[in-house]
Amino acid sequence: MNHVSFAAKRAHLDLMLFNRSALAPLGITPARLDMLQAIRARFDGCQTQGQLAALLGVTRQTVARMSRSLEALGLVLCERTPPDMRRVYIVLTEAGRALLERIQRIYIRSGIAGQAAIFALRDRAKQPEKATRLIEMARQIRESLSNCAPFAPEAADLPSWDEGAALEGADRKVFRDVTRWLYWRFRGLPFDYVMANSPPFEDLINASLPSASPTGPGQ
C-alpha cells in the first residue's frame, strides 16, 4: 500500500469514527443519513428503491432493510402506488426533513464537519499543500467510480461558519459535546501545532485550502 492510499485510508477511518460518534446523540447512523440525503436529492423527496440502490452503490436488499428501519423511526414512508404496485417509493416525512435540517444546523453551519475533515486530511508533516492534493485525488477517485455510487450531498453554500453561535438548548449541548470529542480524538494530529500558534480559524482554512469553500472538504 503506497503513501497516497494509506493517507486516504487513514482519513476515511478517522472521518467514519467521527461521523458515527457525532451522529449518535441524534439517533442516526452515517449510512442512514446518506440514505435520507439521497431521498431528499429529488425535489419531491421521493425515490424508488431501485433509484436509491443505484445512487448509493448498494443492493436493493440493503435499501429495503434500511428503509424499513427508517420507517420505524418515522423518518420515511414506504409506499406502493398505481399503476405498478410492485414498485416501492421511499418518501421523506416531515420528521425526516426536520432531522436533516437539525443535522445541517448542528454540524454543517457550525463548522464541525468541515473541521473534522480538515483535521483528518492534515498529515504529520504540517504541509497544507499535501491536504489540498489529497482532496483533489479523492475528487478524481470519486469521479472515476461515479458509475458505482454517484450520489454526493450538495455542498452547503456558507460564507462562514458560525461555530455554534446560532444553536440553543439541546442542539447547543450536542455541539459542545461533539466539539470536545473532536478535539480529544484528533489531539495527536498536527492541529495541536496549529492551535498552539492560534491563527484565526478562517485564515487557516483559506491558507490550507485555497480552492475550496470552508465546508467543501466536509461534504
Protein backbone atom coordinates (compact mmCIF):
# COMPACT_ATOMS: atom_id res chain seq x y z
CA MET A 1 0.00 0.00 0.00
CA ASN A 2 1.57 3.29 -1.06
CA HIS A 3 1.54 6.53 0.92
CA VAL A 4 -1.40 8.01 -1.01
CA SER A 5 -3.73 5.08 -0.41
CA PHE A 6 -2.58 4.82 3.20
CA ALA A 7 -3.30 8.52 3.79
CA ALA A 8 -6.72 8.15 2.16
CA LYS A 9 -7.49 5.10 4.30
CA ARG A 10 -6.42 6.87 7.49
CA ALA A 11 -8.51 9.93 6.70
CA HIS A 12 -11.51 7.75 5.82
CA LEU A 13 -11.31 5.76 9.06
CA ASP A 14 -10.89 8.91 11.14
CA LEU A 15 -13.90 10.52 9.49
CA MET A 16 -16.05 7.39 9.79
CA LEU A 17 -15.31 7.21 13.51
CA PHE A 18 -16.12 10.90 13.88
CA ASN A 19 -19.37 10.56 11.90
CA ARG A 20 -20.60 7.57 13.92
CA SER A 21 -19.83 9.23 17.24
CA ALA A 22 -21.08 12.68 16.25
CA LEU A 23 -24.43 11.45 14.91
CA ALA A 24 -25.12 9.02 17.77
CA PRO A 25 -26.77 11.68 20.03
CA LEU A 26 -29.37 12.24 17.30
CA GLY A 27 -30.14 8.53 16.95
CA ILE A 28 -28.92 8.27 13.37
CA THR A 29 -26.04 6.46 11.66
CA PRO A 30 -23.90 7.72 8.75
CA ALA A 31 -25.42 5.13 6.39
CA ARG A 32 -28.97 6.14 7.29
CA LEU A 33 -28.04 9.80 6.92
CA ASP A 34 -26.67 9.09 3.44
CA MET A 35 -29.97 7.48 2.50
CA LEU A 36 -32.06 10.35 3.87
CA GLN A 37 -29.94 12.84 1.94
CA ALA A 38 -30.23 10.74 -1.22
CA ILE A 39 -34.03 10.69 -0.87
CA ARG A 40 -34.09 14.46 -0.38
CA ALA A 41 -31.98 14.94 -3.53
CA ARG A 42 -35.21 14.82 -5.56
CA PHE A 43 -37.34 17.95 -5.42
CA ASP A 44 -40.28 15.96 -4.06
CA GLY A 45 -38.24 13.98 -1.53
CA CYS A 46 -39.25 10.67 -3.08
CA GLN A 47 -37.12 7.90 -4.60
CA THR A 48 -37.77 4.30 -5.60
CA GLN A 49 -35.77 1.51 -4.01
CA GLY A 50 -34.04 0.88 -7.33
CA GLN A 51 -33.09 4.53 -7.74
CA LEU A 52 -31.65 4.67 -4.23
CA ALA A 53 -29.67 1.47 -4.75
CA ALA A 54 -28.10 2.93 -7.90
CA LEU A 55 -27.38 6.30 -6.27
CA LEU A 56 -25.77 4.81 -3.16
CA GLY A 57 -23.98 1.89 -4.81
CA VAL A 58 -25.71 -0.74 -2.65
CA THR A 59 -28.12 -3.59 -3.30
CA ARG A 60 -31.90 -3.26 -3.32
CA GLN A 61 -31.99 -5.61 -0.36
CA THR A 62 -29.84 -3.16 1.60
CA VAL A 63 -32.13 -0.28 0.63
CA ALA A 64 -35.20 -2.30 1.62
CA ARG A 65 -33.71 -3.15 5.02
CA MET A 66 -32.62 0.43 5.71
CA SER A 67 -35.92 1.88 4.53
CA ARG A 68 -37.80 -0.35 6.96
CA SER A 69 -35.55 0.86 9.79
CA LEU A 70 -36.07 4.49 8.80
CA GLU A 71 -39.82 3.95 8.51
CA ALA A 72 -39.86 2.51 12.04
CA LEU A 73 -38.21 5.73 13.19
CA GLY A 74 -40.87 7.81 11.41
CA LEU A 75 -38.34 9.39 9.05
CA VAL A 76 -39.65 7.92 5.78
CA LEU A 77 -42.75 6.25 4.37
CA CYS A 78 -42.64 3.23 2.09
CA GLU A 79 -45.47 3.44 -0.42
CA ARG A 80 -46.78 1.49 -3.41
CA THR A 81 -48.86 3.45 -5.92
CA PRO A 82 -50.65 2.55 -9.17
CA PRO A 83 -50.11 1.58 -11.88
CA ASP A 84 -47.08 -0.51 -10.87
CA MET A 85 -47.80 -1.80 -7.38
CA ARG A 86 -44.54 -3.76 -7.38
CA ARG A 87 -42.51 -0.56 -7.20
CA VAL A 88 -41.83 0.79 -3.69
CA TYR A 89 -41.37 4.52 -3.27
CA ILE A 90 -39.41 5.87 -0.29
CA VAL A 91 -40.83 9.22 0.78
CA LEU A 92 -39.20 11.61 3.22
CA THR A 93 -41.53 12.59 6.09
CA GLU A 94 -41.67 15.93 7.86
CA ALA A 95 -39.79 14.31 10.74
CA GLY A 96 -37.10 13.21 8.27
CA ARG A 97 -36.82 16.71 6.83
CA ALA A 98 -36.63 18.17 10.33
CA LEU A 99 -33.82 15.79 11.28
CA LEU A 100 -31.83 16.71 8.15
CA GLU A 101 -32.28 20.39 8.96
CA ARG A 102 -31.13 19.80 12.53
CA ILE A 103 -28.03 17.98 11.32
CA GLN A 104 -27.34 20.80 8.87
CA ARG A 105 -27.68 23.32 11.71
CA ILE A 106 -25.52 21.50 14.26
CA TYR A 107 -22.79 20.01 12.10
CA ILE A 108 -22.56 21.95 8.83
CA ARG A 109 -23.37 25.58 9.59
CA SER A 110 -21.40 25.43 12.83
CA GLY A 111 -18.31 24.16 11.00
CA ILE A 112 -17.81 20.91 12.97
CA ALA A 113 -17.97 18.70 9.87
CA GLY A 114 -15.54 20.91 8.00
CA GLN A 115 -13.11 20.96 10.90
CA ALA A 116 -13.25 17.18 11.23
CA ALA A 117 -12.49 16.71 7.53
CA ILE A 118 -9.55 19.08 7.65
CA PHE A 119 -8.24 17.52 10.87
CA ALA A 120 -8.38 14.08 9.26
CA LEU A 121 -6.79 15.18 5.99
CA ARG A 122 -3.87 17.02 7.55
CA ASP A 123 -0.70 14.96 7.66
CA ARG A 124 2.00 14.97 10.30
CA ALA A 125 4.47 16.93 8.16
CA LYS A 126 2.38 20.10 8.63
CA GLN A 127 2.37 20.80 4.88
CA PRO A 128 -1.01 22.27 3.81
CA GLU A 129 -0.40 21.61 0.12
CA LYS A 130 -0.47 17.87 0.81
CA ALA A 131 -4.00 18.16 2.18
CA THR A 132 -5.01 20.05 -0.96
CA ARG A 133 -3.51 17.35 -3.18
CA LEU A 134 -5.21 14.59 -1.20
CA ILE A 135 -8.58 16.31 -1.58
CA GLU A 136 -8.03 16.60 -5.33
CA MET A 137 -7.06 12.92 -5.54
CA ALA A 138 -10.21 11.97 -3.61
CA ARG A 139 -12.29 14.02 -6.07
CA GLN A 140 -10.70 12.27 -9.05
CA ILE A 141 -11.18 8.84 -7.49
CA ARG A 142 -14.84 9.58 -6.81
CA GLU A 143 -15.39 10.74 -10.41
CA SER A 144 -13.76 7.58 -11.75
CA LEU A 145 -16.14 5.47 -9.63
CA SER A 146 -19.23 7.60 -10.19
CA ASN A 147 -20.97 4.83 -12.07
CA CYS A 148 -20.87 2.73 -8.87
CA ALA A 149 -22.23 5.27 -6.39
CA PRO A 150 -22.80 8.69 -7.97
CA PHE A 151 -24.64 10.32 -5.08
CA ALA A 152 -22.95 13.00 -3.01
CA PRO A 153 -24.74 15.50 -0.73
CA GLU A 154 -24.97 19.02 -2.07
CA ALA A 155 -22.30 21.32 -0.72
CA ALA A 156 -23.62 23.97 1.64
CA ASP A 157 -23.12 27.50 0.32
CA LEU A 158 -21.99 29.22 3.51
CA PRO A 159 -19.96 32.44 3.68
CA SER A 160 -18.55 31.43 7.06
CA TRP A 161 -19.04 29.07 9.98
CA ASP A 162 -20.94 30.35 12.99
CA GLU A 163 -19.13 27.98 15.42
CA GLY A 164 -22.40 27.04 17.09
CA ALA A 165 -23.44 30.62 17.86
CA ALA A 166 -26.96 30.11 16.50
CA LEU A 167 -27.62 26.92 18.46
CA GLU A 168 -29.75 26.74 21.58
CA GLY A 169 -30.89 24.16 24.12
CA ALA A 170 -30.30 20.52 23.23
CA ASP A 171 -28.66 21.43 19.91
CA ARG A 172 -26.12 23.60 21.71
CA LYS A 173 -25.30 20.75 24.09
CA VAL A 174 -24.78 18.34 21.18
CA PHE A 175 -22.47 20.90 19.55
CA ARG A 176 -20.40 21.30 22.72
CA ASP A 177 -20.15 17.55 23.29
CA VAL A 178 -19.16 16.82 19.70
CA THR A 179 -16.63 19.65 19.67
CA ARG A 180 -14.97 18.28 22.82
CA TRP A 181 -14.92 14.79 21.33
CA LEU A 182 -13.46 16.12 18.08
CA TYR A 183 -10.55 17.86 19.76
CA TRP A 184 -9.93 14.88 22.03
CA ARG A 185 -9.98 12.39 19.12
CA PHE A 186 -7.56 14.39 16.99
CA ARG A 187 -5.32 15.67 19.75
CA GLY A 188 -2.34 13.70 18.36
CA LEU A 189 -2.61 15.22 14.89
CA PRO A 190 -0.82 18.37 13.67
CA PHE A 191 -3.62 20.69 14.71
CA ASP A 192 -2.05 20.67 18.17
CA TYR A 193 0.68 22.66 16.46
CA VAL A 194 -1.81 24.82 14.61
CA MET A 195 -3.90 25.64 17.66
CA ALA A 196 -0.77 26.41 19.69
CA ASN A 197 0.01 29.16 17.20
CA SER A 198 -3.62 30.34 17.36
CA PRO A 199 -4.31 31.83 13.92
CA PRO A 200 -7.92 32.80 13.17
CA PHE A 201 -9.61 29.61 12.02
CA GLU A 202 -10.97 31.23 8.83
CA ASP A 203 -7.45 32.32 7.87
CA LEU A 204 -6.20 28.80 8.48
CA ILE A 205 -8.84 27.35 6.16
CA ASN A 206 -8.10 29.87 3.43
CA ALA A 207 -4.38 29.21 3.68
CA SER A 208 -4.76 25.43 3.70
CA LEU A 209 -7.44 25.05 1.05
CA PRO A 210 -7.24 27.99 -1.35
CA SER A 211 -9.53 26.44 -3.96
CA ALA A 212 -12.27 25.17 -1.63
CA SER A 213 -15.08 26.72 0.34
CA PRO A 214 -14.98 26.24 4.13
CA THR A 215 -17.42 23.36 4.02
CA GLY A 216 -16.04 21.76 0.86
CA PRO A 217 -13.91 19.05 2.49
CA GLY A 218 -16.75 18.04 4.76
CA GLN A 219 -19.28 17.31 2.04
